[in-house]
Amino acid sequence: MRALSDDERNLLRHYSERDRVISTRDRTPAHQHLLSIGYIKERAVSVGYWVVRVTEAGRKVLRSPS
């Protein structure tokens, strides 16, 4: 598995501050990659909006040195 890019790491850090509600258009390639490798989870809250949470695996990556 490749290392996270700076954008992915920054996005993961942003999501880790608190649960985020995002719209479908905010699901960037960096977001999709974090989702596909299990560092974040999302749950639909209404049409076109998602709650994003960092998983324990995502928190572990943030605690590790870059």
PDB file of N, CA and C in Angstrom:
ATOM      1  N   MET A   1       0.839  -1.181   0.000  1.00  0.00           N
ATOM      2  CA  MET A   1       0.000   0.000   0.000  1.00  0.00           C
ATOM      3  C   MET A   1       0.883   1.243   0.000  1.00  0.00           C
ATOM      4  N   ARG A   2       0.505   2.213  -0.788  1.00  0.00           N
ATOM      5  CA  ARG A   2       1.317   3.426  -0.868  1.00  0.00           C
ATOM      6  C   ARG A   2       1.090   4.310   0.345  1.00  0.00           C
ATOM      7  N   ALA A   3       2.064   5.159   0.618  1.00  0.00           N
ATOM      8  CA  ALA A   3       1.926   6.113   1.719  1.00  0.00           C
ATOM      9  C   ALA A   3       0.890   7.163   1.344  1.00  0.00           C
ATOM     10  N   LEU A   4       0.312   7.793   2.349  1.00  0.00           N
ATOM     11  CA  LEU A   4      -0.658   8.848   2.080  1.00  0.00           C
ATOM     12  C   LEU A   4       0.036  10.083   1.542  1.00  0.00           C
ATOM     13  N   SER A   5      -0.626  10.743   0.610  1.00  0.00           N
ATOM     14  CA  SER A   5      -0.115  12.018   0.107  1.00  0.00           C
ATOM     15  C   SER A   5      -0.346  13.084   1.177  1.00  0.00           C
ATOM     16  N   ASP A   6       0.284  14.229   1.010  1.00  0.00           N
ATOM     17  CA  ASP A   6       0.074  15.324   1.956  1.00  0.00           C
ATOM     18  C   ASP A   6      -1.399  15.730   1.999  1.00  0.00           C
ATOM     19  N   ASP A   7      -2.047  15.787   0.835  1.00  0.00           N
ATOM     20  CA  ASP A   7      -3.468  16.148   0.787  1.00  0.00           C
ATOM     21  C   ASP A   7      -4.319  15.137   1.549  1.00  0.00           C
ATOM     22  N   GLU A   8      -4.030  13.854   1.376  1.00  0.00           N
ATOM     23  CA  GLU A   8      -4.791  12.819   2.073  1.00  0.00           C
ATOM     24  C   GLU A   8      -4.568  12.895   3.579  1.00  0.00           C
ATOM     25  N   ARG A   9      -3.339  13.086   3.990  1.00  0.00           N
ATOM     26  CA  ARG A   9      -3.026  13.191   5.421  1.00  0.00           C
ATOM     27  C   ARG A   9      -3.704  14.425   6.029  1.00  0.00           C
ATOM     28  N   ASN A  10      -3.670  15.557   5.312  1.00  0.00           N
ATOM     29  CA  ASN A  10      -4.317  16.774   5.804  1.00  0.00           C
ATOM     30  C   ASN A  10      -5.832  16.597   5.893  1.00  0.00           C
ATOM     31  N   LEU A  11      -6.426  15.935   4.912  1.00  0.00           N
ATOM     32  CA  LEU A  11      -7.857  15.686   4.933  1.00  0.00           C
ATOM     33  C   LEU A  11      -8.219  14.761   6.091  1.00  0.00           C
ATOM     34  N   LEU A  12      -7.427  13.735   6.310  1.00  0.00           N
ATOM     35  CA  LEU A  12      -7.662  12.821   7.425  1.00  0.00           C
ATOM     36  C   LEU A  12      -7.564  13.570   8.752  1.00  0.00           C
ATOM     37  N   ARG A  13      -6.588  14.441   8.877  1.00  0.00           N
ATOM     38  CA  ARG A  13      -6.429  15.252  10.090  1.00  0.00           C
ATOM     39  C   ARG A  13      -7.658  16.162  10.279  1.00  0.00           C
ATOM     40  N   HIS A  14      -8.120  16.770   9.195  1.00  0.00           N
ATOM     41  CA  HIS A  14      -9.308  17.629   9.229  1.00  0.00           C
ATOM     42  C   HIS A  14     -10.525  16.838   9.704  1.00  0.00           C
ATOM     43  N   TYR A  15     -10.724  15.667   9.154  1.00  0.00           N
ATOM     44  CA  TYR A  15     -11.848  14.820   9.552  1.00  0.00           C
ATOM     45  C   TYR A  15     -11.724  14.364  11.005  1.00  0.00           C
ATOM     46  N   SER A  16     -10.503  14.208  11.503  1.00  0.00           N
ATOM     47  CA  SER A  16     -10.319  13.682  12.854  1.00  0.00           C
ATOM     48  C   SER A  16     -10.660  14.699  13.939  1.00  0.00           C
ATOM     49  N   GLU A  17     -10.740  15.968  13.589  1.00  0.00           N
ATOM     50  CA  GLU A  17     -11.030  17.005  14.585  1.00  0.00           C
ATOM     51  C   GLU A  17     -12.428  16.833  15.166  1.00  0.00           C
ATOM     52  N   ARG A  18     -13.372  16.410  14.324  1.00  0.00           N
ATOM     53  CA  ARG A  18     -14.750  16.123  14.749  1.00  0.00           C
ATOM     54  C   ARG A  18     -15.461  15.496  13.565  1.00  0.00           C
ATOM     55  N   ASP A  19     -16.618  14.905  13.813  1.00  0.00           N
ATOM     56  CA  ASP A  19     -17.397  14.353  12.705  1.00  0.00           C
ATOM     57  C   ASP A  19     -17.748  15.493  11.750  1.00  0.00           C
ATOM     58  N   ARG A  20     -17.690  15.208  10.477  1.00  0.00           N
ATOM     59  CA  ARG A  20     -17.978  16.220   9.455  1.00  0.00           C
ATOM     60  C   ARG A  20     -19.170  15.794   8.633  1.00  0.00           C
ATOM     61  N   VAL A  21     -19.993  16.749   8.265  1.00  0.00           N
ATOM     62  CA  VAL A  21     -21.061  16.509   7.302  1.00  0.00           C
ATOM     63  C   VAL A  21     -20.596  17.131   6.002  1.00  0.00           C
ATOM     64  N   ILE A  22     -20.539  16.306   4.968  1.00  0.00           N
ATOM     65  CA  ILE A  22     -20.092  16.784   3.665  1.00  0.00           C
ATOM     66  C   ILE A  22     -21.171  16.496   2.633  1.00  0.00           C
ATOM     67  N   SER A  23     -21.076  17.208   1.523  1.00  0.00           N
ATOM     68  CA  SER A  23     -22.009  16.942   0.423  1.00  0.00           C
ATOM     69  C   SER A  23     -21.339  15.991  -0.563  1.00  0.00           C
ATOM     70  N   THR A  24     -22.134  15.461  -1.439  1.00  0.00           N
ATOM     71  CA  THR A  24     -21.618  14.519  -2.431  1.00  0.00           C
ATOM     72  C   THR A  24     -20.486  15.132  -3.243  1.00  0.00           C
ATOM     73  N   ARG A  25     -20.568  16.412  -3.553  1.00  0.00           N
ATOM     74  CA  ARG A  25     -19.526  17.051  -4.374  1.00  0.00           C
ATOM     75  C   ARG A  25     -18.199  17.209  -3.629  1.00  0.00           C
ATOM     76  N   ASP A  26     -18.213  17.056  -2.299  1.00  0.00           N
ATOM     77  CA  ASP A  26     -16.976  17.137  -1.502  1.00  0.00           C
ATOM     78  C   ASP A  26     -16.236  15.804  -1.422  1.00  0.00           C
ATOM     79  N   ARG A  27     -16.750  14.784  -2.074  1.00  0.00           N
ATOM     80  CA  ARG A  27     -16.109  13.472  -2.041  1.00  0.00           C
ATOM     81  C   ARG A  27     -15.014  13.430  -3.111  1.00  0.00           C
ATOM     82  N   THR A  28     -13.891  14.052  -2.783  1.00  0.00           N
ATOM     83  CA  THR A  28     -12.754  14.197  -3.695  1.00  0.00           C
ATOM     84  C   THR A  28     -12.033  12.864  -3.881  1.00  0.00           C
ATOM     85  N   PRO A  29     -11.090  12.810  -4.824  1.00  0.00           N
ATOM     86  CA  PRO A  29     -10.279  11.590  -4.950  1.00  0.00           C
ATOM     87  C   PRO A  29      -9.538  11.242  -3.651  1.00  0.00           C
ATOM     88  N   ALA A  30      -9.064  12.242  -2.921  1.00  0.00           N
ATOM     89  CA  ALA A  30      -8.389  11.980  -1.641  1.00  0.00           C
ATOM     90  C   ALA A  30      -9.378  11.357  -0.655  1.00  0.00           C
ATOM     91  N   HIS A  31     -10.582  11.879  -0.603  1.00  0.00           N
ATOM     92  CA  HIS A  31     -11.629  11.331   0.259  1.00  0.00           C
ATOM     93  C   HIS A  31     -11.935   9.892  -0.149  1.00  0.00           C
ATOM     94  N   GLN A  32     -12.097   9.656  -1.431  1.00  0.00           N
ATOM     95  CA  GLN A  32     -12.420   8.312  -1.920  1.00  0.00           C
ATOM     96  C   GLN A  32     -11.321   7.315  -1.570  1.00  0.00           C
ATOM     97  N   HIS A  33     -10.057   7.756  -1.655  1.00  0.00           N
ATOM     98  CA  HIS A  33      -8.954   6.856  -1.313  1.00  0.00           C
ATOM     99  C   HIS A  33      -8.971   6.517   0.174  1.00  0.00           C
ATOM    100  N   LEU A  34      -9.177   7.528   1.037  1.00  0.00           N
ATOM    101  CA  LEU A  34      -9.243   7.272   2.478  1.00  0.00           C
ATOM    102  C   LEU A  34     -10.383   6.314   2.807  1.00  0.00           C
ATOM    103  N   LEU A  35     -11.488   6.455   2.108  1.00  0.00           N
ATOM    104  CA  LEU A  35     -12.637   5.577   2.303  1.00  0.00           C
ATOM    105  C   LEU A  35     -12.314   4.156   1.849  1.00  0.00           C
ATOM    106  N   SER A  36     -11.668   4.033   0.702  1.00  0.00           N
ATOM    107  CA  SER A  36     -11.387   2.706   0.140  1.00  0.00           C
ATOM    108  C   SER A  36     -10.379   1.908   0.975  1.00  0.00           C
ATOM    109  N   ILE A  37      -9.488   2.593   1.682  1.00  0.00           N
ATOM    110  CA  ILE A  37      -8.507   1.872   2.500  1.00  0.00           C
ATOM    111  C   ILE A  37      -8.941   1.765   3.967  1.00  0.00           C
ATOM    112  N   GLY A  38     -10.142   2.252   4.260  1.00  0.00           N
ATOM    113  CA  GLY A  38     -10.709   2.050   5.588  1.00  0.00           C
ATOM    114  C   GLY A  38     -10.284   3.035   6.655  1.00  0.00           C
ATOM    115  N   TYR A  39      -9.746   4.185   6.283  1.00  0.00           N
ATOM    116  CA  TYR A  39      -9.331   5.180   7.274  1.00  0.00           C
ATOM    117  C   TYR A  39     -10.475   6.092   7.683  1.00  0.00           C
ATOM    118  N   ILE A  40     -11.532   6.130   6.875  1.00  0.00           N
ATOM    119  CA  ILE A  40     -12.739   6.872   7.226  1.00  0.00           C
ATOM    120  C   ILE A  40     -13.955   6.006   6.909  1.00  0.00           C
ATOM    121  N   LYS A  41     -15.064   6.343   7.562  1.00  0.00           N
ATOM    122  CA  LYS A  41     -16.356   5.731   7.258  1.00  0.00           C
ATOM    123  C   LYS A  41     -17.311   6.879   6.988  1.00  0.00           C
ATOM    124  N   GLU A  42     -18.328   6.601   6.190  1.00  0.00           N
ATOM    125  CA  GLU A  42     -19.339   7.617   5.968  1.00  0.00           C
ATOM    126  C   GLU A  42     -20.721   6.990   6.062  1.00  0.00           C
ATOM    127  N   ARG A  43     -21.673   7.827   6.444  1.00  0.00           N
ATOM    128  CA  ARG A  43     -23.054   7.384   6.591  1.00  0.00           C
ATOM    129  C   ARG A  43     -23.942   8.490   6.042  1.00  0.00           C
ATOM    130  N   ALA A  44     -24.887   8.119   5.198  1.00  0.00           N
ATOM    131  CA  ALA A  44     -25.801   9.098   4.619  1.00  0.00           C
ATOM    132  C   ALA A  44     -26.709   9.651   5.714  1.00  0.00           C
ATOM    133  N   VAL A  45     -26.864  10.982   5.723  1.00  0.00           N
ATOM    134  CA  VAL A  45     -27.769  11.612   6.688  1.00  0.00           C
ATOM    135  C   VAL A  45     -28.974  12.237   5.993  1.00  0.00           C
ATOM    136  N   SER A  46     -28.844  12.529   4.732  1.00  0.00           N
ATOM    137  CA  SER A  46     -29.950  12.989   3.901  1.00  0.00           C
ATOM    138  C   SER A  46     -29.486  12.871   2.459  1.00  0.00           C
ATOM    139  N   VAL A  47     -30.359  13.164   1.542  1.00  0.00           N
ATOM    140  CA  VAL A  47     -30.006  13.039   0.130  1.00  0.00           C
ATOM    141  C   VAL A  47     -28.825  13.960  -0.183  1.00  0.00           C
ATOM    142  N   GLY A  48     -27.727  13.355  -0.580  1.00  0.00           N
ATOM    143  CA  GLY A  48     -26.543  14.115  -0.977  1.00  0.00           C
ATOM    144  C   GLY A  48     -25.633  14.565   0.147  1.00  0.00           C
ATOM    145  N   TYR A  49     -25.905  14.186   1.387  1.00  0.00           N
ATOM    146  CA  TYR A  49     -25.067  14.588   2.516  1.00  0.00           C
ATOM    147  C   TYR A  49     -24.650  13.374   3.340  1.00  0.00           C
ATOM    148  N   TRP A  50     -23.393  13.408   3.802  1.00  0.00           N
ATOM    149  CA  TRP A  50     -22.789  12.276   4.492  1.00  0.00           C
ATOM    150  C   TRP A  50     -22.090  12.745   5.757  1.00  0.00           C
ATOM    151  N   VAL A  51     -22.172  11.945   6.812  1.00  0.00           N
ATOM    152  CA  VAL A  51     -21.364  12.154   8.014  1.00  0.00           C
ATOM    153  C   VAL A  51     -20.096  11.328   7.825  1.00  0.00           C
ATOM    154  N   VAL A  52     -18.952  11.955   8.041  1.00  0.00           N
ATOM    155  CA  VAL A  52     -17.662  11.282   7.877  1.00  0.00           C
ATOM    156  C   VAL A  52     -17.016  11.144   9.252  1.00  0.00           C
ATOM    157  N   ARG A  53     -16.561   9.931   9.552  1.00  0.00           N
ATOM    158  CA  ARG A  53     -15.864   9.651  10.806  1.00  0.00           C
ATOM    159  C   ARG A  53     -14.555   8.937  10.502  1.00  0.00           C
ATOM    160  N   VAL A  54     -13.537   9.256  11.281  1.00  0.00           N
ATOM    161  CA  VAL A  54     -12.234   8.593  11.144  1.00  0.00           C
ATOM    162  C   VAL A  54     -12.292   7.289  11.928  1.00  0.00           C
ATOM    163  N   THR A  55     -11.815   6.210  11.322  1.00  0.00           N
ATOM    164  CA  THR A  55     -11.788   4.907  11.979  1.00  0.00           C
ATOM    165  C   THR A  55     -10.556   4.806  12.879  1.00  0.00           C
ATOM    166  N   GLU A  56     -10.502   3.752  13.663  1.00  0.00           N
ATOM    167  CA  GLU A  56      -9.331   3.530  14.515  1.00  0.00           C
ATOM    168  C   GLU A  56      -8.067   3.382  13.655  1.00  0.00           C
ATOM    169  N   ALA A  57      -8.180   2.740  12.509  1.00  0.00           N
ATOM    170  CA  ALA A  57      -7.023   2.612  11.597  1.00  0.00           C
ATOM    171  C   ALA A  57      -6.546   3.988  11.147  1.00  0.00           C
ATOM    172  N   GLY A  58      -7.470   4.887  10.869  1.00  0.00           N
ATOM    173  CA  GLY A  58      -7.111   6.253  10.479  1.00  0.00           C
ATOM    174  C   GLY A  58      -6.431   7.004  11.609  1.00  0.00           C
ATOM    175  N   ARG A  59      -6.926   6.827  12.822  1.00  0.00           N
ATOM    176  CA  ARG A  59      -6.304   7.488  13.979  1.00  0.00           C
ATOM    177  C   ARG A  59      -4.879   6.967  14.203  1.00  0.00           C
ATOM    178  N   LYS A  60      -4.718   5.668  14.000  1.00  0.00           N
ATOM    179  CA  LYS A  60      -3.396   5.064  14.175  1.00  0.00           C
ATOM    180  C   LYS A  60      -2.397   5.667  13.176  1.00  0.00           C
ATOM    181  N   VAL A  61      -2.835   5.857  11.952  1.00  0.00           N
ATOM    182  CA  VAL A  61      -1.956   6.452  10.925  1.00  0.00           C
ATOM    183  C   VAL A  61      -1.573   7.879  11.318  1.00  0.00           C
ATOM    184  N   LEU A  62      -2.518   8.632  11.866  1.00  0.00           N
ATOM    185  CA  LEU A  62      -2.231  10.004  12.270  1.00  0.00           C
ATOM    186  C   LEU A  62      -1.228  10.058  13.431  1.00  0.00           C
ATOM    187  N   ARG A  63      -1.264   9.059  14.296  1.00  0.00           N
ATOM    188  CA  ARG A  63      -0.318   9.025  15.436  1.00  0.00           C
ATOM    189  C   ARG A  63       1.076   8.592  15.006  1.00  0.00           C
ATOM    190  N   SER A  64       1.189   7.903  13.882  1.00  0.00           N
ATOM    191  CA  SER A  64       2.494   7.419  13.438  1.00  0.00           C
ATOM    192  C   SER A  64       3.282   8.553  12.776  1.00  0.00           C
ATOM    193  N   PRO A  65       4.625   8.472  12.830  1.00  0.00           N
ATOM    194  CA  PRO A  65       5.435   9.504  12.164  1.00  0.00           C
ATOM    195  C   PRO A  65       5.214   9.467  10.653  1.00  0.00           C
ATOM    196  N   SER A  66       5.290  10.613  10.046  1.00  0.00           N
ATOM    197  CA  SER A  66       5.065  10.715   8.583  1.00  0.00           C
ATOM    198  C   SER A  66       6.095   9.981   7.783  1.00  0.00           C
TER     199      SER A  66
END
